[in-house]
C-alpha atoms as a PDB file:
ATOM      1  CA  MET A   1      98.809  82.792  69.531  1.00  0.00           C
ATOM      2  CA  ALA A   2      98.557  86.167  71.321  1.00  0.00           C
ATOM      3  CA  LEU A   3     101.234  86.429  74.090  1.00  0.00           C
ATOM      4  CA  ILE A   4     100.135  88.508  77.171  1.00  0.00           C
ATOM      5  CA  THR A   5     101.574  89.213  80.925  1.00  0.00           C
ATOM      6  CA  GLU A   6      99.100  91.026  82.894  1.00  0.00           C
ATOM      7  CA  ILE A   7     100.928  92.657  85.838  1.00  0.00           C
ATOM      8  CA  THR A   8      98.943  93.737  89.001  1.00  0.00           C
ATOM      9  CA  VAL A   9     100.846  96.962  90.922  1.00  0.00           C
ATOM     10  CA  VAL A  10     100.656  98.030  94.329  1.00  0.00           C
ATOM     11  CA  GLY A  11      97.186  99.623  94.263  1.00  0.00           C
ATOM     12  CA  GLY A  12      95.603  97.486  92.513  1.00  0.00           C
ATOM     13  CA  ASP A  13      95.877  98.372  88.775  1.00  0.00           C
ATOM     14  CA  ARG A  14      96.071  95.858  86.307  1.00  0.00           C
ATOM     15  CA  TYR A  15      98.027  95.933  83.016  1.00  0.00           C
ATOM     16  CA  SER A  16      98.029  93.822  80.215  1.00  0.00           C
ATOM     17  CA  ILE A  17     101.398  93.709  78.502  1.00  0.00           C
ATOM     18  CA  ASP A  18     102.204  92.110  75.180  1.00  0.00           C
ATOM     19  CA  GLY A  19     105.267  89.143  75.745  1.00  0.00           C
ATOM     20  CA  ASP A  20     105.697  85.538  76.841  1.00  0.00           C
ATOM     21  CA  VAL A  21     104.884  86.306  81.014  1.00  0.00           C
ATOM     22  CA  LYS A  22     108.922  84.653  81.055  1.00  0.00           C
ATOM     23  CA  ALA A  23     109.936  88.098  79.330  1.00  0.00           C
ATOM     24  CA  VAL A  24     108.276  90.220  81.083  1.00  0.00           C
ATOM     25  CA  GLU A  25     109.255  88.529  84.049  1.00  0.00           C
ATOM     26  CA  ALA A  26     113.271  89.478  83.380  1.00  0.00           C
ATOM     27  CA  MET A  27     112.114  92.584  82.521  1.00  0.00           C
ATOM     28  CA  ILE A  28     110.960  93.424  85.900  1.00  0.00           C
ATOM     29  CA  LEU A  29     113.551  91.596  87.236  1.00  0.00           C
ATOM     30  CA  ASP A  30     116.322  93.520  85.151  1.00  0.00           C
ATOM     31  CA  ALA A  31     115.150  96.315  86.693  1.00  0.00           C
ATOM     32  CA  ALA A  32     114.715  95.865  89.688  1.00  0.00           C
ATOM     33  CA  ARG A  33     118.524  94.980  89.617  1.00  0.00           C
ATOM     34  CA  GLY A  34     119.194  98.282  87.959  1.00  0.00           C
ATOM     35  CA  SER A  35     120.311 101.320  89.047  1.00  0.00           C
ATOM     36  CA  LEU A  36     117.413 103.238  91.637  1.00  0.00           C
ATOM     37  CA  MET A  37     114.802 104.045  90.230  1.00  0.00           C
ATOM     38  CA  ARG A  38     115.386 101.881  86.770  1.00  0.00           C
ATOM     39  CA  PHE A  39     112.000 101.569  85.022  1.00  0.00           C
ATOM     40  CA  ALA A  40     110.423  97.913  83.333  1.00  0.00           C
ATOM     41  CA  TRP A  41     109.443  99.666  80.355  1.00  0.00           C
ATOM     42  CA  VAL A  42     106.352  97.033  78.559  1.00  0.00           C
ATOM     43  CA  THR A  43     103.970  98.039  76.222  1.00  0.00           C
ATOM     44  CA  GLU A  44     100.122  97.688  76.912  1.00  0.00           C
ATOM     45  CA  ALA A  45      98.608  95.090  74.917  1.00  0.00           C
ATOM     46  CA  GLU A  46      94.562  97.179  74.717  1.00  0.00           C
ATOM     47  CA  THR A  47      96.669 100.861  73.406  1.00  0.00           C
ATOM     48  CA  GLY A  48     100.373  99.905  71.932  1.00  0.00           C
ATOM     49  CA  GLU A  49     101.045 102.201  75.259  1.00  0.00           C
ATOM     50  CA  ARG A  50     104.491 102.369  76.439  1.00  0.00           C
ATOM     51  CA  ILE A  51     104.246 102.754  79.837  1.00  0.00           C
ATOM     52  CA  GLY A  52     107.032 102.544  82.757  1.00  0.00           C
ATOM     53  CA  LEU A  53     106.757 100.002  85.914  1.00  0.00           C
ATOM     54  CA  ASN A  54     108.482 100.676  88.998  1.00  0.00           C
ATOM     55  CA  PRO A  55     109.271  97.168  89.786  1.00  0.00           C
ATOM     56  CA  ASP A  56     108.953  97.937  93.692  1.00  0.00           C
ATOM     57  CA  HIS A  57     105.385  97.936  92.884  1.00  0.00           C
ATOM     58  CA  VAL A  58     104.516  94.611  90.749  1.00  0.00           C
ATOM     59  CA  VAL A  59     102.480  91.954  93.428  1.00  0.00           C
ATOM     60  CA  MET A  60     101.762  90.212  90.468  1.00  0.00           C
ATOM     61  CA  VAL A  61     102.072  88.679  87.205  1.00  0.00           C
ATOM     62  CA  ARG A  62      99.973  86.755  85.452  1.00  0.00           C
ATOM     63  CA  ASP A  63      99.635  84.814  81.767  1.00  0.00           C
ATOM     64  CA  LEU A  64      96.786  85.545  80.233  1.00  0.00           C
ATOM     65  CA  THR A  65      98.086  83.781  76.915  1.00  0.00           C
ATOM     66  CA  VAL A  66      95.518  82.864  74.505  1.00  0.00           C
ATOM     67  CA  PRO A  67      95.914  79.749  72.587  1.00  0.00           C
ATOM     68  CA  SER A  68      95.086  80.561  68.613  1.00  0.00           C
ATOM     69  CA  GLU A  69      91.793  79.012  67.139  1.00  0.00           C
ATOM     70  CA  SER A  70      92.861  76.665  64.664  1.00  0.00           C
END
């Protein structure tokens, strides 16, 4: 099963992130509670690239987990 979470930020850009929605949500909340301008570092599912998200700009988190076929 591929664990993918979609994040939408201010302006409408969307990112597909590797990881369970609960884990990604926790990273965003931890960054928001941290010091000023702390980013939530995540890995894009399509590219494998690490990106830093400003938690203040996240407007939606959606679970895109795809069940594996048996």
